[in-house]
Amino acid sequence: MNHLLPLVVVVPLLGAAFLVAAGRMLPRTATDAVAAAVATGTTALAAVLLAHSSPAGTEWVGGWRPHQGRSVGIVLVGDAPGTGLAVLACLLTVAVLVYSWRYFDEVPHQHSTSFPALVLLFQAGLCGFALTGDLFNAFVFFELMGVAAYALTGYRVEEPKAVQGALTFGILNSLGAYATLLGIALLYARTGELGMRQIGARLDAQGRPDALVLAAFVLVLTGLLVKAAAAPFHFWLPDAHAVAPTPVCMLLSGLMVELGVYGVWRVHATVFAGPGGLPTADVGRCLVALGAVTAVLGAVLCWQQHHLKRLLAYSTIAHTGLFLVGIGLLRPESTAGTALYVLGHAGAKAALFACTGILLDRYGSVDERELHGRGGRLRSVGMLYTVAALALAGLPPFGTALGKGTAEEAAGPAGTLLFTVVSALTGAAALRVAARVFWGFGPRPCHAPAQETTGGGEEPETRGLLSRVPLPMAAVPTALLVGALAVGLVPALATGTGHAFGSPTALTPHWTLASVLTGLVSATCAAGCAALALRRGAPQEPYAWSAPLRRLHSGHVGDYVAWFVLGTAVLGALALPGVLS
């Protein structure tokens, strides 16, 4: 079955090319149907490959196999982690395309066909990155995905805010790409290889790591951490979410960030985990330290937000930190638990964004205060939003709770406290929104002038919809939440994830009394914090004590570039002791 691996990348590329070439001659419904059919077919193909996945399954594209121990070709790896992530990417792409059937009706037809084409390009980059076993081609696929993401973020190019957000996104991610490319060049200079496994084997044969290996590690991980939106490389994500169309936000928070985390795990496991790479203790210290800071920063800023898209963006940053902590523990059970956490989070977060898009379409606003009680007519959407918020907080039996509980057991008491507090605070922010917007709880806030950062005065993203929510826009978040629930309830998913990301001998993720209790505690704390916020009222300005953190997010690209440089230096400092010893 390995010979079918290239089709997972090629089919979306061909679909995008067809839409660009012939889309203008087809009616809008036909272009949407073609895009959905291509994405669905790719999903089925990826699922078949996942069922036949093997750690040794590789495909050398074009027949360029290694010669005398050296590889020069493009290699795709059909193991369970890569094919599983490709299935997730394809499923969420299908959900986004279905959700977008009624989007962008106000734009000319030729522009409406470009959206599904860009989404298919994004899917091709996602699948290519998940499947590649070549470090340089991982960079190429990630940049293909990035270029499509830049265009999708600034899709409403007539709005200055969209252009500014897309430029910030593009500049910071391009800097990360240059850092990754420079790190790849250093590794190629040292080993003469670009295949991940081959690089790792040659580094191990050369003995202890030196300054060049350290520099390569820092540079490659910097680019991946930018994509993952880890602090202090995270500044682009809230700005991009604030201006990107809602379906694009579903892709960024549901897939792109998670793929950056996957890249960190994959590169370390295949390139730097051996004796010629960085010592395990130093890598773990880097990831856990950055993850903890990212989680706390994201959770605090998430709680302070009234702009719904920014709130969810900071929630994504907070959970990215938890993912990095889980990976940084460098234990099979914590890695497997984190993988399950990622699956559940993707479904819950995409569902929250889908419900937010409905609010934006109905009321032209994503300001929590301006929307107070206005969502009362959307009771079904309010139920979906509330359930998704509880899933985000880690309520059993959702997959977020199972993954979080498994990682907590590996992290010990301190890690359990971090996971519980962060998931509770981000879940509480989403529950507070649901209570105010859909159920009208809490005092009605005083009228405040709409500002750019509040989410008021936004333009609806669709036109000409019926008086009720279209079926696709309501069905997609429902399906996403069912998927997040299945991650926690279907034993085969937990077992397969445990074998893929852990080890055959490691204990697979399963429900324990501790995981159930910590999930219930975090969900209860989330509900309690939301209730306290509703009794306190909605302050017109965020809390004064968080002002220094908010000032860091200035919106100026130059400030973000400075933080990028500082973050790279800190990453190097954290990993340096292992090279000096």
Protein backbone atom coordinates (compact mmCIF):
# COMPACT_ATOMS: atom_id res chain seq x y z
CA MET A 1 0.00 0.00 0.00
CA ASN A 2 2.97 2.34 0.38
CA HIS A 3 2.90 3.18 -3.32
CA LEU A 4 -0.36 5.07 -2.63
CA LEU A 5 1.27 7.49 -0.18
CA PRO A 6 2.07 10.18 -2.80
CA LEU A 7 -1.60 10.31 -3.80
CA VAL A 8 -2.52 11.75 -0.40
CA VAL A 9 -0.56 14.85 -1.41
CA VAL A 10 -1.11 14.78 -5.16
CA VAL A 11 -4.90 14.47 -5.16
CA PRO A 12 -5.53 17.75 -3.26
CA LEU A 13 -2.96 19.50 -5.45
CA LEU A 14 -4.71 18.32 -8.61
CA GLY A 15 -8.07 19.33 -7.16
CA ALA A 16 -6.78 22.82 -6.42
CA ALA A 17 -5.32 23.12 -9.92
CA PHE A 18 -8.63 22.04 -11.45
CA LEU A 19 -10.57 24.64 -9.45
CA VAL A 20 -8.16 27.39 -10.46
CA ALA A 21 -8.31 26.40 -14.14
CA ALA A 22 -11.99 25.51 -14.55
CA GLY A 23 -13.70 26.88 -11.47
CA ARG A 24 -14.82 30.10 -13.13
CA MET A 25 -16.76 28.13 -15.71
CA LEU A 26 -18.66 26.13 -13.09
CA PRO A 27 -21.52 27.24 -10.83
CA ARG A 28 -20.70 27.91 -7.22
CA THR A 29 -22.39 24.72 -6.02
CA ALA A 30 -20.29 22.66 -8.44
CA THR A 31 -16.98 24.12 -7.25
CA ASP A 32 -17.94 23.52 -3.63
CA ALA A 33 -18.98 19.95 -4.45
CA VAL A 34 -15.72 19.27 -6.33
CA ALA A 35 -13.63 20.57 -3.42
CA ALA A 36 -15.59 18.51 -0.89
CA ALA A 37 -15.35 15.39 -3.07
CA VAL A 38 -11.58 15.77 -3.46
CA ALA A 39 -11.09 16.25 0.26
CA THR A 40 -13.39 13.34 1.09
CA GLY A 41 -11.63 11.03 -1.35
CA THR A 42 -8.27 11.97 0.12
CA THR A 43 -9.67 11.23 3.59
CA ALA A 44 -10.75 7.76 2.52
CA LEU A 45 -7.34 7.09 0.98
CA ALA A 46 -5.54 8.27 4.13
CA ALA A 47 -7.81 6.07 6.27
CA VAL A 48 -6.94 3.01 4.15
CA LEU A 49 -3.23 3.79 4.53
CA LEU A 50 -3.68 4.18 8.29
CA ALA A 51 -5.28 0.73 8.46
CA HIS A 52 -2.22 -0.72 6.68
CA SER A 53 0.39 1.50 8.36
CA SER A 54 3.75 0.09 9.33
CA PRO A 55 6.82 1.63 11.03
CA ALA A 56 8.95 0.34 8.16
CA GLY A 57 6.56 1.47 5.42
CA THR A 58 8.32 3.94 3.11
CA GLU A 59 7.88 5.08 -0.44
CA TRP A 60 10.69 6.71 -2.43
CA VAL A 61 8.88 9.01 -4.82
CA GLY A 62 10.05 8.62 -8.41
CA GLY A 63 12.13 5.57 -7.55
CA TRP A 64 15.08 7.62 -6.21
CA ARG A 65 16.18 5.09 -3.63
CA PRO A 66 19.32 5.34 -1.46
CA HIS A 67 22.53 4.49 -3.30
CA GLN A 68 25.54 3.23 -1.37
CA GLY A 69 23.96 4.26 1.89
CA ARG A 70 23.11 7.83 0.82
CA SER A 71 19.65 9.13 -0.01
CA VAL A 72 18.84 11.89 -2.49
CA GLY A 73 15.15 11.24 -3.14
CA ILE A 74 11.84 12.28 -1.62
CA VAL A 75 10.76 9.74 0.97
CA LEU A 76 7.28 9.38 2.43
CA VAL A 77 6.81 7.33 5.58
CA GLY A 78 3.58 5.39 6.05
CA ASP A 79 3.78 4.82 9.81
CA ALA A 80 0.83 5.22 12.16
CA PRO A 81 1.68 8.70 13.55
CA GLY A 82 2.04 10.24 10.10
CA THR A 83 -0.94 8.58 8.45
CA GLY A 84 -3.07 9.18 11.56
CA LEU A 85 -2.30 12.88 11.50
CA ALA A 86 -3.03 12.95 7.76
CA VAL A 87 -6.46 11.45 8.48
CA LEU A 88 -7.12 14.15 11.10
CA ALA A 89 -6.04 16.85 8.65
CA CYS A 90 -8.29 15.48 5.93
CA LEU A 91 -11.30 15.12 8.23
CA LEU A 92 -11.04 18.68 9.49
CA THR A 93 -10.53 19.94 5.92
CA VAL A 94 -13.78 18.24 4.89
CA ALA A 95 -15.52 19.84 7.88
CA VAL A 96 -14.24 23.29 6.92
CA LEU A 97 -15.31 22.92 3.29
CA VAL A 98 -18.79 21.75 4.28
CA TYR A 99 -19.11 24.57 6.82
CA SER A 100 -18.08 27.09 4.14
CA TRP A 101 -20.77 26.14 1.60
CA ARG A 102 -22.69 29.33 2.36
CA TYR A 103 -19.67 31.55 2.96
CA PHE A 104 -18.42 34.47 0.89
CA ASP A 105 -21.63 34.77 -1.10
CA GLU A 106 -21.06 38.50 -1.45
CA VAL A 107 -17.77 38.23 -3.38
CA PRO A 108 -17.44 37.78 -7.16
CA HIS A 109 -17.58 34.18 -8.34
CA GLN A 110 -13.93 34.01 -9.37
CA HIS A 111 -12.90 34.89 -5.81
CA SER A 112 -15.33 32.40 -4.29
CA THR A 113 -13.63 29.59 -6.23
CA SER A 114 -10.21 30.59 -4.88
CA PHE A 115 -11.20 29.78 -1.30
CA PRO A 116 -11.74 26.01 -1.79
CA ALA A 117 -8.63 25.87 -3.98
CA LEU A 118 -6.55 27.45 -1.20
CA VAL A 119 -8.05 25.07 1.35
CA LEU A 120 -7.05 22.10 -0.82
CA LEU A 121 -3.52 23.50 -1.11
CA PHE A 122 -3.49 23.81 2.67
CA GLN A 123 -4.60 20.18 2.94
CA ALA A 124 -1.84 19.05 0.59
CA GLY A 125 0.78 20.82 2.69
CA LEU A 126 -0.64 19.33 5.88
CA CYS A 127 -0.61 15.79 4.54
CA GLY A 128 2.83 16.17 3.00
CA PHE A 129 4.32 17.38 6.26
CA ALA A 130 2.66 14.58 8.22
CA LEU A 131 3.96 11.86 5.86
CA THR A 132 7.41 13.06 4.84
CA GLY A 133 10.54 11.41 6.18
CA ASP A 134 12.81 14.06 4.68
CA LEU A 135 13.70 17.14 6.72
CA PHE A 136 14.02 19.46 3.74
CA ASN A 137 10.73 18.33 2.26
CA ALA A 138 9.12 18.78 5.66
CA PHE A 139 10.20 22.41 5.35
CA VAL A 140 8.81 22.61 1.80
CA PHE A 141 5.44 21.15 2.75
CA PHE A 142 5.15 23.34 5.82
CA GLU A 143 5.83 26.41 3.71
CA LEU A 144 3.27 25.30 1.12
CA MET A 145 0.79 25.12 3.95
CA GLY A 146 2.01 28.48 5.26
CA VAL A 147 1.63 30.29 1.93
CA ALA A 148 -1.93 29.02 1.62
CA ALA A 149 -2.59 30.07 5.21
CA TYR A 150 -1.28 33.60 4.58
CA ALA A 151 -3.64 34.00 1.63
CA LEU A 152 -6.57 32.55 3.57
CA THR A 153 -5.92 34.82 6.55
CA GLY A 154 -5.96 37.90 4.33
CA TYR A 155 -8.77 36.56 2.16
CA ARG A 156 -10.89 39.68 2.66
CA VAL A 157 -8.16 41.77 1.12
CA GLU A 158 -10.35 44.87 0.92
CA GLU A 159 -10.17 45.19 4.72
CA PRO A 160 -6.95 46.80 6.07
CA LYS A 161 -7.11 44.76 9.27
CA ALA A 162 -7.08 41.51 7.31
CA VAL A 163 -4.04 42.60 5.31
CA GLN A 164 -2.19 43.67 8.45
CA GLY A 165 -2.94 40.40 10.24
CA ALA A 166 -1.86 38.36 7.23
CA LEU A 167 1.39 40.36 6.91
CA THR A 168 2.22 39.84 10.59
CA PHE A 169 1.47 36.16 10.16
CA GLY A 170 3.60 35.95 7.02
CA ILE A 171 6.61 37.85 8.36
CA LEU A 172 6.94 35.92 11.62
CA ASN A 173 6.37 32.54 10.02
CA SER A 174 8.82 33.39 7.24
CA LEU A 175 11.45 34.18 9.86
CA GLY A 176 10.74 30.81 11.43
CA ALA A 177 11.09 29.18 8.01
CA TYR A 178 14.48 30.83 7.43
CA ALA A 179 15.64 29.61 10.84
CA THR A 180 14.53 26.06 10.02
CA LEU A 181 16.22 26.17 6.61
CA LEU A 182 19.47 27.35 8.16
CA GLY A 183 19.31 24.53 10.70
CA ILE A 184 18.69 22.01 7.91
CA ALA A 185 21.73 23.39 6.06
CA LEU A 186 23.91 22.87 9.14
CA LEU A 187 22.73 19.28 9.49
CA TYR A 188 23.33 18.63 5.79
CA ALA A 189 26.83 20.07 6.07
CA ARG A 190 27.58 17.77 8.98
CA THR A 191 25.95 14.54 7.74
CA GLY A 192 25.45 14.89 3.98
CA GLU A 193 21.88 13.66 4.46
CA LEU A 194 18.38 15.15 4.43
CA GLY A 195 16.36 12.11 5.48
CA MET A 196 15.45 12.35 9.16
CA ARG A 197 16.40 8.79 10.03
CA GLN A 198 19.60 9.03 8.02
CA ILE A 199 20.59 12.29 9.74
CA GLY A 200 19.96 10.75 13.14
CA ALA A 201 22.02 7.65 12.30
CA ARG A 202 25.00 9.69 11.08
CA LEU A 203 24.89 12.00 14.11
CA ASP A 204 24.91 8.94 16.36
CA ALA A 205 27.88 7.50 14.48
CA GLN A 206 29.85 10.71 15.02
CA GLY A 207 29.54 10.58 18.81
CA ARG A 208 28.78 13.40 21.23
CA PRO A 209 27.00 16.57 20.09
CA ASP A 210 28.86 19.82 19.62
CA ALA A 211 28.00 23.47 19.04
CA LEU A 212 26.96 22.85 15.42
CA VAL A 213 24.43 20.20 16.46
CA LEU A 214 23.13 22.52 19.18
CA ALA A 215 22.73 25.37 16.69
CA ALA A 216 20.91 23.10 14.24
CA PHE A 217 18.60 21.85 16.98
CA VAL A 218 17.74 25.38 18.12
CA LEU A 219 17.15 26.69 14.60
CA VAL A 220 14.99 23.79 13.43
CA LEU A 221 12.91 23.83 16.60
CA THR A 222 12.50 27.59 16.43
CA GLY A 223 10.70 27.32 13.11
CA LEU A 224 8.46 24.54 14.40
CA LEU A 225 7.67 26.42 17.62
CA VAL A 226 6.64 29.47 15.58
CA LYS A 227 4.13 27.31 13.73
CA ALA A 228 3.00 25.82 17.05
CA ALA A 229 2.49 29.36 18.47
CA ALA A 230 4.59 28.66 21.57
CA ALA A 231 5.71 31.63 23.67
CA PRO A 232 7.48 33.88 22.82
CA PHE A 233 6.84 32.98 19.16
CA HIS A 234 3.05 33.12 19.52
CA PHE A 235 2.23 36.75 18.76
CA TRP A 236 1.04 36.12 15.20
CA LEU A 237 -1.78 33.77 16.23
CA PRO A 238 -4.19 36.19 18.02
CA ASP A 239 -3.71 38.82 15.31
CA ALA A 240 -4.36 36.28 12.56
CA HIS A 241 -7.43 34.82 14.28
CA ALA A 242 -8.92 38.26 14.82
CA VAL A 243 -9.06 38.98 11.08
CA ALA A 244 -9.18 35.56 9.38
CA PRO A 245 -12.52 34.13 8.21
CA THR A 246 -13.98 31.71 10.72
CA PRO A 247 -13.31 28.55 8.63
CA VAL A 248 -9.65 29.58 8.40
CA CYS A 249 -9.51 29.93 12.20
CA MET A 250 -10.75 26.34 12.41
CA LEU A 251 -7.78 25.25 10.28
CA LEU A 252 -5.19 27.32 12.13
CA SER A 253 -6.20 26.29 15.67
CA GLY A 254 -7.40 22.81 14.79
CA LEU A 255 -4.53 21.72 12.54
CA MET A 256 -1.63 24.08 11.90
CA VAL A 257 -0.68 24.60 15.54
CA GLU A 258 -1.02 20.89 16.28
CA LEU A 259 1.16 20.07 13.28
CA GLY A 260 3.90 22.30 14.70
CA VAL A 261 3.76 20.31 17.95
CA TYR A 262 3.88 17.07 15.94
CA GLY A 263 6.93 18.39 14.10
CA VAL A 264 8.74 19.03 17.38
CA TRP A 265 8.07 15.45 18.47
CA ARG A 266 8.97 13.92 15.10
CA VAL A 267 12.23 15.84 14.64
CA HIS A 268 13.43 15.08 18.14
CA ALA A 269 12.45 11.41 18.00
CA THR A 270 14.10 10.73 14.63
CA VAL A 271 17.02 13.19 14.50
CA PHE A 272 18.14 14.33 17.95
CA ALA A 273 17.07 11.52 20.34
CA GLY A 274 20.21 9.37 19.92
CA PRO A 275 23.66 9.73 21.48
CA GLY A 276 24.73 12.10 18.72
CA GLY A 277 21.83 14.44 19.39
CA LEU A 278 20.99 16.55 22.39
CA PRO A 279 20.85 14.91 25.85
CA THR A 280 17.36 13.89 26.86
CA ALA A 281 17.42 15.98 30.03
CA ASP A 282 18.21 19.17 28.11
CA VAL A 283 15.53 18.61 25.48
CA GLY A 284 12.99 17.86 28.19
CA ARG A 285 13.99 21.00 30.09
CA CYS A 286 13.57 23.13 26.95
CA LEU A 287 10.14 21.80 26.09
CA VAL A 288 8.75 21.71 29.62
CA ALA A 289 9.95 25.22 30.45
CA LEU A 290 8.64 26.75 27.23
CA GLY A 291 5.44 24.74 27.51
CA ALA A 292 4.73 25.85 31.08
CA VAL A 293 5.30 29.51 30.26
CA THR A 294 3.16 29.23 27.14
CA ALA A 295 0.33 27.50 29.00
CA VAL A 296 0.17 30.04 31.84
CA LEU A 297 0.52 33.06 29.54
CA GLY A 298 -2.15 31.80 27.16
CA ALA A 299 -4.59 30.94 29.96
CA VAL A 300 -4.24 34.34 31.67
CA LEU A 301 -4.70 36.29 28.44
CA CYS A 302 -7.57 34.03 27.37
CA TRP A 303 -9.44 34.93 30.56
CA GLN A 304 -8.94 38.66 29.87
CA GLN A 305 -10.40 38.66 26.37
CA HIS A 306 -13.84 39.88 25.25
CA HIS A 307 -13.10 39.43 21.53
CA LEU A 308 -14.32 35.86 20.98
CA LYS A 309 -11.82 34.95 18.28
CA ARG A 310 -8.89 36.31 20.30
CA LEU A 311 -10.18 34.48 23.36
CA LEU A 312 -10.14 31.19 21.48
CA ALA A 313 -6.73 32.02 19.99
CA TYR A 314 -5.19 32.48 23.43
CA SER A 315 -6.90 29.29 24.52
CA THR A 316 -5.11 27.52 21.67
CA ILE A 317 -1.80 29.01 22.84
CA ALA A 318 -2.47 27.77 26.38
CA HIS A 319 -3.20 24.23 25.20
CA THR A 320 -0.15 24.29 22.95
CA GLY A 321 1.86 24.83 26.11
CA LEU A 322 0.27 21.76 27.68
CA PHE A 323 1.05 19.72 24.56
CA LEU A 324 4.71 20.76 24.75
CA VAL A 325 4.87 19.83 28.43
CA GLY A 326 3.42 16.41 27.63
CA ILE A 327 5.98 15.84 24.87
CA GLY A 328 8.79 17.30 26.97
CA LEU A 329 8.31 14.64 29.63
CA LEU A 330 9.78 12.26 27.01
CA ARG A 331 7.85 9.26 28.30
CA PRO A 332 5.81 6.97 26.03
CA GLU A 333 2.63 7.31 28.10
CA SER A 334 2.83 11.11 28.21
CA THR A 335 3.40 11.31 24.46
CA ALA A 336 0.47 8.99 23.75
CA GLY A 337 -1.75 10.96 26.13
CA THR A 338 -0.74 14.21 24.47
CA ALA A 339 -1.62 12.77 21.07
CA LEU A 340 -5.12 11.94 22.33
CA TYR A 341 -5.34 15.40 23.88
CA VAL A 342 -4.50 16.92 20.48
CA LEU A 343 -7.27 14.90 18.80
CA GLY A 344 -9.89 15.94 21.32
CA HIS A 345 -8.75 19.55 21.33
CA ALA A 346 -8.94 19.78 17.54
CA GLY A 347 -12.59 18.77 17.58
CA ALA A 348 -13.61 20.95 20.52
CA LYS A 349 -11.75 24.06 19.36
CA ALA A 350 -12.97 23.81 15.77
CA ALA A 351 -16.54 23.44 17.09
CA LEU A 352 -16.14 26.60 19.21
CA PHE A 353 -14.94 28.55 16.19
CA ALA A 354 -17.81 27.19 14.09
CA CYS A 355 -20.33 28.45 16.66
CA THR A 356 -18.53 31.80 16.82
CA GLY A 357 -18.86 32.09 13.04
CA ILE A 358 -22.62 31.67 13.38
CA LEU A 359 -22.71 34.53 15.89
CA LEU A 360 -20.67 36.72 13.57
CA ASP A 361 -22.98 35.96 10.68
CA ARG A 362 -26.14 36.62 12.67
CA TYR A 363 -25.13 39.73 14.60
CA GLY A 364 -22.04 41.20 12.93
CA SER A 365 -20.04 41.08 16.16
CA VAL A 366 -17.72 38.86 18.16
CA ASP A 367 -17.68 41.12 21.22
CA GLU A 368 -18.80 39.21 24.31
CA ARG A 369 -20.30 42.34 25.90
CA GLU A 370 -22.09 43.57 22.81
CA LEU A 371 -23.60 40.12 22.25
CA HIS A 372 -24.94 39.83 25.81
CA GLY A 373 -28.22 37.87 25.62
CA ARG A 374 -28.52 38.30 21.85
CA GLY A 375 -27.83 34.62 21.21
CA GLY A 376 -31.02 33.61 23.01
CA ARG A 377 -32.66 32.71 19.71
CA LEU A 378 -29.83 30.29 18.93
CA ARG A 379 -30.46 27.82 21.74
CA SER A 380 -29.13 24.84 19.81
CA VAL A 381 -25.94 26.73 18.97
CA GLY A 382 -25.69 27.75 22.62
CA MET A 383 -25.88 24.11 23.66
CA LEU A 384 -23.12 23.19 21.23
CA TYR A 385 -20.95 26.06 22.48
CA THR A 386 -21.49 25.06 26.10
CA VAL A 387 -20.68 21.40 25.46
CA ALA A 388 -17.55 22.38 23.50
CA ALA A 389 -16.45 24.64 26.37
CA LEU A 390 -16.85 21.77 28.84
CA ALA A 391 -14.86 19.51 26.49
CA LEU A 392 -12.14 22.17 26.39
CA ALA A 393 -12.09 22.19 30.19
CA GLY A 394 -11.47 18.43 30.20
CA LEU A 395 -14.87 17.02 31.15
CA PRO A 396 -15.01 13.20 30.93
CA PRO A 397 -15.66 11.27 28.75
CA PHE A 398 -14.34 13.60 26.03
CA GLY A 399 -10.98 12.80 24.46
CA THR A 400 -9.49 15.94 25.99
CA ALA A 401 -10.10 14.48 29.45
CA LEU A 402 -8.60 11.09 28.59
CA GLY A 403 -5.51 12.60 26.96
CA LYS A 404 -5.06 15.18 29.71
CA GLY A 405 -5.48 12.58 32.45
CA THR A 406 -2.92 10.25 30.86
CA ALA A 407 -0.37 13.05 30.52
CA GLU A 408 -1.04 14.20 34.09
CA GLU A 409 -0.28 10.77 35.51
CA ALA A 410 3.11 10.90 33.80
CA ALA A 411 3.73 14.51 34.89
CA GLY A 412 3.25 14.03 38.63
CA PRO A 413 1.59 16.43 41.10
CA ALA A 414 3.14 19.64 39.73
CA GLY A 415 2.21 18.75 36.17
CA THR A 416 -1.29 17.73 37.23
CA LEU A 417 -1.78 21.12 38.87
CA LEU A 418 -0.60 22.93 35.73
CA PHE A 419 -2.85 20.88 33.42
CA THR A 420 -5.85 21.32 35.71
CA VAL A 421 -5.49 25.07 36.23
CA VAL A 422 -4.85 25.89 32.57
CA SER A 423 -7.65 23.71 31.20
CA ALA A 424 -10.04 25.04 33.87
CA LEU A 425 -9.22 28.69 33.13
CA THR A 426 -9.56 28.36 29.36
CA GLY A 427 -12.76 26.35 29.75
CA ALA A 428 -14.10 28.95 32.21
CA ALA A 429 -13.55 31.74 29.68
CA ALA A 430 -15.54 29.84 27.04
CA LEU A 431 -18.29 28.95 29.55
CA ARG A 432 -18.52 32.61 30.58
CA VAL A 433 -19.09 33.54 26.95
CA ALA A 434 -21.76 30.87 26.54
CA ALA A 435 -23.58 32.02 29.69
CA ARG A 436 -23.55 35.70 28.74
CA VAL A 437 -24.18 35.47 25.03
CA PHE A 438 -26.61 32.56 24.70
CA TRP A 439 -28.31 32.44 28.09
CA GLY A 440 -28.19 36.12 29.09
CA PHE A 441 -26.69 35.50 32.54
CA GLY A 442 -24.95 38.27 34.46
CA PRO A 443 -25.62 42.01 34.51
CA ARG A 444 -25.88 43.70 31.16
CA PRO A 445 -22.68 45.69 30.58
CA CYS A 446 -22.76 49.39 29.89
CA HIS A 447 -22.42 50.40 26.28
CA ALA A 448 -18.83 50.92 25.23
CA PRO A 449 -17.62 52.26 21.88
CA ALA A 450 -16.57 49.50 19.52
CA GLN A 451 -12.81 49.19 19.24
CA GLU A 452 -10.67 47.10 16.97
CA THR A 453 -9.64 44.75 19.76
CA THR A 454 -13.10 44.16 21.18
CA GLY A 455 -14.73 42.46 18.22
CA GLY A 456 -17.59 44.90 17.87
CA GLY A 457 -18.60 46.45 14.57
CA GLU A 458 -17.39 43.48 12.54
CA GLU A 459 -18.70 42.69 9.09
CA PRO A 460 -20.68 39.44 8.69
CA GLU A 461 -18.79 36.85 6.67
CA THR A 462 -21.82 35.66 4.69
CA ARG A 463 -24.71 37.26 2.86
CA GLY A 464 -28.26 36.34 2.02
CA LEU A 465 -28.73 33.51 4.51
CA LEU A 466 -32.15 32.36 5.65
CA SER A 467 -33.64 33.38 8.98
CA ARG A 468 -32.39 30.14 10.49
CA VAL A 469 -28.90 28.73 10.68
CA PRO A 470 -28.12 26.67 7.55
CA LEU A 471 -27.86 22.95 8.17
CA PRO A 472 -24.14 22.63 7.23
CA MET A 473 -23.13 25.37 9.68
CA ALA A 474 -24.98 23.58 12.51
CA ALA A 475 -24.08 20.03 11.50
CA VAL A 476 -20.32 20.62 11.39
CA PRO A 477 -19.82 21.61 15.07
CA THR A 478 -22.13 18.75 16.07
CA ALA A 479 -20.02 16.26 14.12
CA LEU A 480 -16.80 17.71 15.54
CA LEU A 481 -18.04 17.29 19.10
CA VAL A 482 -19.14 13.73 18.36
CA GLY A 483 -15.61 13.09 17.12
CA ALA A 484 -14.10 14.59 20.28
CA LEU A 485 -16.39 12.35 22.32
CA ALA A 486 -15.43 9.28 20.29
CA VAL A 487 -11.75 9.87 21.07
CA GLY A 488 -12.56 9.32 24.72
CA LEU A 489 -15.08 6.50 24.33
CA VAL A 490 -13.74 4.26 21.54
CA PRO A 491 -11.03 2.02 23.03
CA ALA A 492 -9.54 1.25 19.61
CA LEU A 493 -8.60 4.91 19.13
CA ALA A 494 -6.81 5.06 22.47
CA THR A 495 -5.06 1.74 21.84
CA GLY A 496 -3.97 2.72 18.34
CA THR A 497 -2.73 6.11 19.51
CA GLY A 498 -0.83 4.52 22.38
CA HIS A 499 0.94 2.08 20.08
CA ALA A 500 1.68 4.78 17.49
CA PHE A 501 3.06 7.51 19.75
CA GLY A 502 4.12 5.45 22.75
CA SER A 503 5.66 2.03 22.43
CA PRO A 504 4.31 -1.53 22.08
CA THR A 505 5.30 -2.29 25.66
CA ALA A 506 3.99 0.94 27.19
CA LEU A 507 0.61 1.03 28.90
CA THR A 508 -1.95 2.40 26.44
CA PRO A 509 -4.11 5.36 27.52
CA HIS A 510 -7.19 4.27 29.42
CA TRP A 511 -9.61 5.70 31.91
CA THR A 512 -8.50 5.57 35.52
CA LEU A 513 -10.08 6.90 38.67
CA ALA A 514 -7.43 9.64 38.80
CA SER A 515 -8.06 10.79 35.22
CA VAL A 516 -11.81 10.89 35.78
CA LEU A 517 -11.44 12.83 39.02
CA THR A 518 -9.01 15.39 37.62
CA GLY A 519 -11.28 15.87 34.60
CA LEU A 520 -14.27 16.45 36.86
CA VAL A 521 -12.26 18.82 39.04
CA SER A 522 -11.08 20.92 36.08
CA ALA A 523 -14.59 21.09 34.59
CA THR A 524 -16.09 21.99 37.99
CA CYS A 525 -13.47 24.68 38.54
CA ALA A 526 -14.20 26.03 35.07
CA ALA A 527 -17.91 26.26 35.84
CA GLY A 528 -17.18 27.88 39.21
CA CYS A 529 -14.84 30.49 37.74
CA ALA A 530 -17.39 31.32 35.04
CA ALA A 531 -20.11 31.71 37.70
CA LEU A 532 -17.92 34.05 39.75
CA ALA A 533 -17.21 36.15 36.68
CA LEU A 534 -20.94 36.44 35.95
CA ARG A 535 -21.69 37.56 39.50
CA ARG A 536 -18.90 40.09 39.35
CA GLY A 537 -20.20 41.58 36.15
CA ALA A 538 -18.39 42.33 32.92
CA PRO A 539 -15.68 44.96 33.41
CA GLN A 540 -15.40 47.42 30.58
CA GLU A 541 -11.61 47.07 30.61
CA PRO A 542 -9.42 44.06 31.42
CA TYR A 543 -7.90 43.77 34.86
CA ALA A 544 -5.11 46.25 35.60
CA TRP A 545 -2.69 43.58 36.83
CA SER A 546 -2.59 42.01 33.37
CA ALA A 547 -1.64 45.29 31.65
CA PRO A 548 2.08 44.39 31.28
CA LEU A 549 1.17 41.14 29.52
CA ARG A 550 -1.29 42.88 27.23
CA ARG A 551 1.25 45.58 26.35
CA LEU A 552 3.60 42.88 25.05
CA HIS A 553 1.03 42.18 22.34
CA SER A 554 1.48 45.58 20.75
CA GLY A 555 0.55 44.65 17.19
CA HIS A 556 3.91 45.97 15.90
CA VAL A 557 5.84 43.47 13.82
CA GLY A 558 9.17 44.90 15.00
CA ASP A 559 8.34 44.06 18.61
CA TYR A 560 7.36 40.54 17.63
CA VAL A 561 10.61 40.06 15.71
CA ALA A 562 12.55 41.13 18.82
CA TRP A 563 10.70 38.50 20.86
CA PHE A 564 11.46 35.96 18.14
CA VAL A 565 15.20 36.63 18.49
CA LEU A 566 14.99 36.50 22.28
CA GLY A 567 13.07 33.23 22.18
CA THR A 568 15.70 31.64 19.94
CA ALA A 569 18.43 32.73 22.35
CA VAL A 570 16.53 31.36 25.35
CA LEU A 571 16.00 28.04 23.59
CA GLY A 572 19.73 27.81 22.96
CA ALA A 573 20.55 28.72 26.57
CA LEU A 574 18.24 26.01 27.89
CA ALA A 575 19.89 23.36 25.69
CA LEU A 576 23.50 24.56 26.14
CA PRO A 577 24.46 22.69 29.37
CA GLY A 578 24.27 19.30 27.68
CA VAL A 579 26.81 20.35 25.03
CA LEU A 580 29.22 21.90 27.55
CA SER A 581 29.18 18.91 29.89
